[in-house]
Amino acid sequence: MRTLEVNQLAVRYGEIEAVRNASFKVGHGEIVALIGSNGAGKSTTLKAVMGLVPTADGDILWNGKSVRSRGAAYRVSRGIALSPEGRRLFPDMTVLENLQVGAHTVRSRQVVRRSLDEVCALFPRVAERRHQQAGSLSGGEQQMVAISRALMAQPSLLLLDEPSLGIAPKIVAEIADAVERLNRERGLAVLLVEQNARLALKLSQRAYVFEQGTITRSGTGAELLADANVQKAFLGI
């Protein structure tokens, strides 16, 4: 069973401690959310898990083994993939070319073809737009492509960074449904960073609250939805 375990993680940008003493787990087939305000350390934590920023302290265990000293490419090859905040597509390349970039660690052409069929079935709009330049798509369509590109690596753990940011509610609902399907039908584990706390808590089995780089609360999605402090701080209740 593949699991992610983050122990006492610290990340610094110069003198600024963006994340400190953060510990959490993502079990096999779980959706786990990190919620909090802007600048709370959520996205930095996701980048640290992916190996995109160095850690100042702590450890990151994947399947029981430390990957702290390993780069992002190694982590992708071991089953971790990131759909980044802001999508970060190659705008002058076609949708299909962007998806093929996501499969660069997959050696089997048969697996790549199967992955392509799977993401096109999951997001029909991606299939419809596959020959268009990625930069010509709407924000919601680009988000679907970004998630699909991450899925092309056949991950066991998908890191999703702000998938609803700047997207129409209808498309957000489609993406949320797709995430639930991936989790339910394929057992894909998801670590979700999301400013929309209500959405994140409804999707997740468990969640952690970040405040100023530190985890201050944790519980099931339902427990945190009912937490008066969480409601006041993040749900507008």
Protein backbone atom coordinates (compact mmCIF):
# COMPACT_ATOMS: atom_id res chain seq x y z
CA MET A 1 0.00 0.00 0.00
CA ARG A 2 1.51 3.30 -1.07
CA THR A 3 1.35 6.05 1.51
CA LEU A 4 2.82 9.52 1.97
CA GLU A 5 4.11 10.54 5.38
CA VAL A 6 5.41 14.05 6.03
CA ASN A 7 7.24 14.48 9.34
CA GLN A 8 8.12 17.81 10.95
CA LEU A 9 8.54 19.50 7.57
CA ALA A 10 10.18 22.93 7.45
CA VAL A 11 10.68 25.09 4.36
CA ARG A 12 12.41 28.45 4.36
CA TYR A 13 12.77 31.20 1.78
CA GLY A 14 15.81 33.05 3.07
CA GLU A 15 14.91 34.29 6.54
CA ILE A 16 11.21 33.57 6.03
CA GLU A 17 9.97 30.28 7.45
CA ALA A 18 7.13 29.40 5.08
CA VAL A 19 6.37 26.02 6.67
CA ARG A 20 7.39 24.76 10.09
CA ASN A 21 6.91 21.46 11.91
CA ALA A 22 4.22 20.23 9.52
CA SER A 23 3.32 16.56 9.90
CA PHE A 24 0.56 14.73 8.05
CA LYS A 25 -0.24 11.53 6.17
CA VAL A 26 -2.04 10.50 3.01
CA GLY A 27 -3.05 6.86 3.09
CA HIS A 28 -3.64 4.55 0.15
CA GLY A 29 -6.74 5.69 -1.76
CA GLU A 30 -7.39 8.71 0.45
CA ILE A 31 -8.33 12.27 -0.48
CA VAL A 32 -6.64 14.60 2.00
CA ALA A 33 -7.02 18.38 1.88
CA LEU A 34 -4.81 21.21 3.07
CA ILE A 35 -6.85 24.36 3.66
CA GLY A 36 -5.93 27.83 4.84
CA SER A 37 -5.66 31.44 3.75
CA ASN A 38 -3.29 32.81 1.12
CA GLY A 39 0.33 32.57 2.24
CA ALA A 40 -0.40 29.95 4.91
CA GLY A 41 2.14 27.49 3.47
CA LYS A 42 -0.16 25.07 1.62
CA SER A 43 1.30 25.36 -1.87
CA THR A 44 4.84 25.45 -0.51
CA THR A 45 4.14 22.17 1.27
CA LEU A 46 2.89 20.63 -1.96
CA LYS A 47 6.00 21.80 -3.81
CA ALA A 48 8.18 20.30 -1.09
CA VAL A 49 6.38 16.96 -1.41
CA MET A 50 7.00 17.10 -5.17
CA GLY A 51 10.65 18.01 -4.72
CA LEU A 52 10.37 21.44 -6.31
CA VAL A 53 11.61 23.37 -3.27
CA PRO A 54 14.29 22.26 -0.79
CA THR A 55 13.33 21.31 2.74
CA ALA A 56 15.10 22.93 5.67
CA ASP A 57 14.16 20.20 8.13
CA GLY A 58 11.97 17.14 8.53
CA ASP A 59 11.42 14.22 6.21
CA ILE A 60 9.11 13.04 3.44
CA LEU A 61 8.45 9.32 3.23
CA TRP A 62 6.86 7.67 0.20
CA ASN A 63 5.97 4.03 0.64
CA GLY A 64 8.04 3.96 3.81
CA LYS A 65 11.24 5.32 2.20
CA SER A 66 12.64 8.84 2.45
CA VAL A 67 12.55 10.87 -0.78
CA ARG A 68 13.78 14.09 0.80
CA SER A 69 17.06 14.01 -1.09
CA ARG A 70 15.45 12.92 -4.36
CA GLY A 71 14.43 15.26 -7.17
CA ALA A 72 11.04 15.74 -8.76
CA ALA A 73 11.77 13.39 -11.69
CA TYR A 74 12.53 10.54 -9.31
CA ARG A 75 9.29 11.15 -7.41
CA VAL A 76 7.29 11.16 -10.64
CA SER A 77 8.89 7.86 -11.63
CA ARG A 78 7.84 6.44 -8.26
CA GLY A 79 4.19 7.43 -8.61
CA ILE A 80 3.76 11.04 -7.46
CA ALA A 81 2.50 13.68 -9.91
CA LEU A 82 1.58 17.36 -9.56
CA SER A 83 -1.06 19.49 -11.24
CA PRO A 84 0.36 22.91 -10.34
CA GLU A 85 -1.33 26.14 -9.34
CA GLY A 86 -1.93 28.28 -12.41
CA ARG A 87 -1.91 25.22 -14.70
CA ARG A 88 1.58 25.95 -16.16
CA LEU A 89 0.83 24.50 -19.58
CA PHE A 90 3.00 25.05 -22.64
CA PRO A 91 0.70 27.52 -24.41
CA ASP A 92 2.20 27.22 -27.90
CA MET A 93 2.02 23.43 -27.88
CA THR A 94 -1.14 21.51 -28.63
CA VAL A 95 -3.18 19.85 -25.91
CA LEU A 96 -1.95 16.47 -27.13
CA GLU A 97 1.67 17.59 -26.99
CA ASN A 98 1.17 18.83 -23.42
CA LEU A 99 -0.27 15.45 -22.46
CA GLN A 100 2.65 13.64 -24.06
CA VAL A 101 5.03 15.73 -21.91
CA GLY A 102 3.22 14.37 -18.86
CA ALA A 103 3.98 10.83 -20.00
CA HIS A 104 7.71 11.37 -20.48
CA THR A 105 8.61 8.94 -17.66
CA VAL A 106 6.38 6.18 -19.07
CA ARG A 107 8.38 3.87 -21.35
CA SER A 108 5.58 1.69 -22.67
CA ARG A 109 3.76 3.13 -25.68
CA GLN A 110 0.84 0.88 -24.89
CA VAL A 111 0.54 2.41 -21.40
CA VAL A 112 0.76 5.92 -22.87
CA ARG A 113 -2.05 5.14 -25.32
CA ARG A 114 -4.15 3.68 -22.52
CA SER A 115 -3.51 6.73 -20.33
CA LEU A 116 -4.52 9.02 -23.19
CA ASP A 117 -7.75 7.10 -23.68
CA GLU A 118 -8.46 7.30 -19.95
CA VAL A 119 -7.98 11.08 -19.63
CA CYS A 120 -10.02 11.69 -22.77
CA ALA A 121 -12.85 9.60 -21.29
CA LEU A 122 -12.55 11.45 -17.99
CA PHE A 123 -12.53 14.88 -19.63
CA PRO A 124 -14.31 14.79 -23.03
CA ARG A 125 -13.38 18.45 -23.58
CA VAL A 126 -9.72 17.49 -23.52
CA ALA A 127 -10.39 14.99 -26.30
CA GLU A 128 -12.31 17.58 -28.31
CA ARG A 129 -9.52 20.17 -27.98
CA ARG A 130 -6.55 17.83 -28.35
CA HIS A 131 -5.29 19.43 -31.59
CA GLN A 132 -5.72 23.03 -30.40
CA GLN A 133 -2.96 25.11 -28.87
CA ALA A 134 -3.23 24.92 -25.10
CA GLY A 135 -3.02 28.70 -24.77
CA SER A 136 -6.23 29.13 -26.79
CA LEU A 137 -8.37 27.23 -24.26
CA SER A 138 -10.50 28.69 -21.51
CA GLY A 139 -9.20 28.62 -17.95
CA GLY A 140 -11.41 25.68 -17.05
CA GLU A 141 -10.33 23.70 -20.09
CA GLN A 142 -6.69 24.43 -19.32
CA GLN A 143 -7.22 23.11 -15.79
CA MET A 144 -8.63 19.89 -17.19
CA VAL A 145 -5.56 19.57 -19.41
CA ALA A 146 -3.23 20.24 -16.46
CA ILE A 147 -4.85 17.49 -14.41
CA SER A 148 -4.83 15.16 -17.41
CA ARG A 149 -1.13 15.86 -18.00
CA ALA A 150 -0.38 14.82 -14.42
CA LEU A 151 -2.50 11.68 -14.83
CA MET A 152 -0.52 10.67 -17.92
CA ALA A 153 2.33 9.70 -15.58
CA GLN A 154 0.08 7.00 -14.07
CA PRO A 155 0.50 8.27 -10.49
CA SER A 156 -0.59 6.56 -7.30
CA LEU A 157 -0.70 9.99 -5.60
CA LEU A 158 -1.98 13.11 -7.36
CA LEU A 159 -1.04 16.49 -5.92
CA LEU A 160 -3.68 19.07 -6.87
CA ASP A 161 -2.79 22.72 -6.27
CA GLU A 162 -5.77 25.14 -6.37
CA PRO A 163 -7.77 23.36 -9.11
CA SER A 164 -10.78 25.70 -8.74
CA LEU A 165 -8.82 28.97 -8.93
CA GLY A 166 -10.36 31.40 -11.44
CA ILE A 167 -12.70 28.80 -12.95
CA ALA A 168 -16.46 28.97 -13.55
CA PRO A 169 -18.55 27.03 -10.99
CA LYS A 170 -19.88 24.61 -13.61
CA ILE A 171 -16.35 23.58 -14.58
CA VAL A 172 -15.33 23.36 -10.91
CA ALA A 173 -18.17 20.87 -10.39
CA GLU A 174 -16.99 18.80 -13.37
CA ILE A 175 -13.44 18.70 -12.02
CA ALA A 176 -14.66 17.77 -8.53
CA ASP A 177 -16.72 14.92 -10.02
CA ALA A 178 -13.67 13.71 -11.94
CA VAL A 179 -11.51 13.72 -8.80
CA GLU A 180 -14.13 11.69 -6.94
CA ARG A 181 -14.34 9.21 -9.83
CA LEU A 182 -10.57 8.77 -9.94
CA ASN A 183 -10.53 8.14 -6.21
CA ARG A 184 -13.52 5.81 -6.18
CA GLU A 185 -12.86 3.81 -9.35
CA ARG A 186 -9.05 3.73 -9.47
CA GLY A 187 -8.17 4.14 -5.81
CA LEU A 188 -6.08 7.20 -6.66
CA ALA A 189 -4.83 9.03 -3.58
CA VAL A 190 -5.13 12.82 -3.76
CA LEU A 191 -3.44 15.57 -1.74
CA LEU A 192 -5.54 18.64 -2.42
CA VAL A 193 -4.57 22.25 -1.77
CA GLU A 194 -7.63 24.42 -2.21
CA GLN A 195 -8.63 27.96 -1.25
CA ASN A 196 -12.28 26.96 -1.56
CA ALA A 197 -12.42 25.32 1.86
CA ARG A 198 -16.01 24.16 1.53
CA LEU A 199 -15.23 22.29 -1.68
CA ALA A 200 -12.04 20.81 -0.24
CA LEU A 201 -13.71 19.56 2.92
CA LYS A 202 -16.61 18.03 1.02
CA LEU A 203 -14.21 16.15 -1.27
CA SER A 204 -11.77 14.95 1.37
CA GLN A 205 -11.87 12.13 3.87
CA ARG A 206 -9.41 14.01 6.08
CA ALA A 207 -8.05 17.55 6.16
CA TYR A 208 -5.46 19.76 7.83
CA VAL A 209 -5.73 23.49 8.53
CA PHE A 210 -2.66 25.62 7.84
CA GLU A 211 -2.16 28.96 9.57
CA GLN A 212 1.07 30.93 9.13
CA GLY A 213 3.02 27.87 8.04
CA THR A 214 1.82 25.61 10.85
CA ILE A 215 -0.89 22.95 11.03
CA THR A 216 -3.33 24.10 13.70
CA ARG A 217 -6.23 21.68 13.24
CA SER A 218 -6.96 18.33 11.64
CA GLY A 219 -9.88 15.97 11.35
CA THR A 220 -12.28 14.42 8.89
CA GLY A 221 -13.76 16.67 6.25
CA ALA A 222 -17.13 16.47 8.00
CA GLU A 223 -15.63 17.34 11.40
CA LEU A 224 -13.90 20.44 10.07
CA LEU A 225 -17.00 21.54 8.16
CA ALA A 226 -18.82 21.50 11.51
CA ASP A 227 -15.96 23.20 13.43
CA ALA A 228 -17.05 26.69 14.53
CA ASN A 229 -13.54 28.14 14.17
CA VAL A 230 -13.14 26.74 10.66
CA GLN A 231 -16.60 28.00 9.72
CA LYS A 232 -15.75 31.50 10.92
CA ALA A 233 -12.28 31.64 9.38
CA PHE A 234 -12.82 29.91 6.05
CA LEU A 235 -16.50 29.30 5.34
CA GLY A 236 -17.99 32.72 6.00
CA ILE A 237 -20.42 31.41 8.63
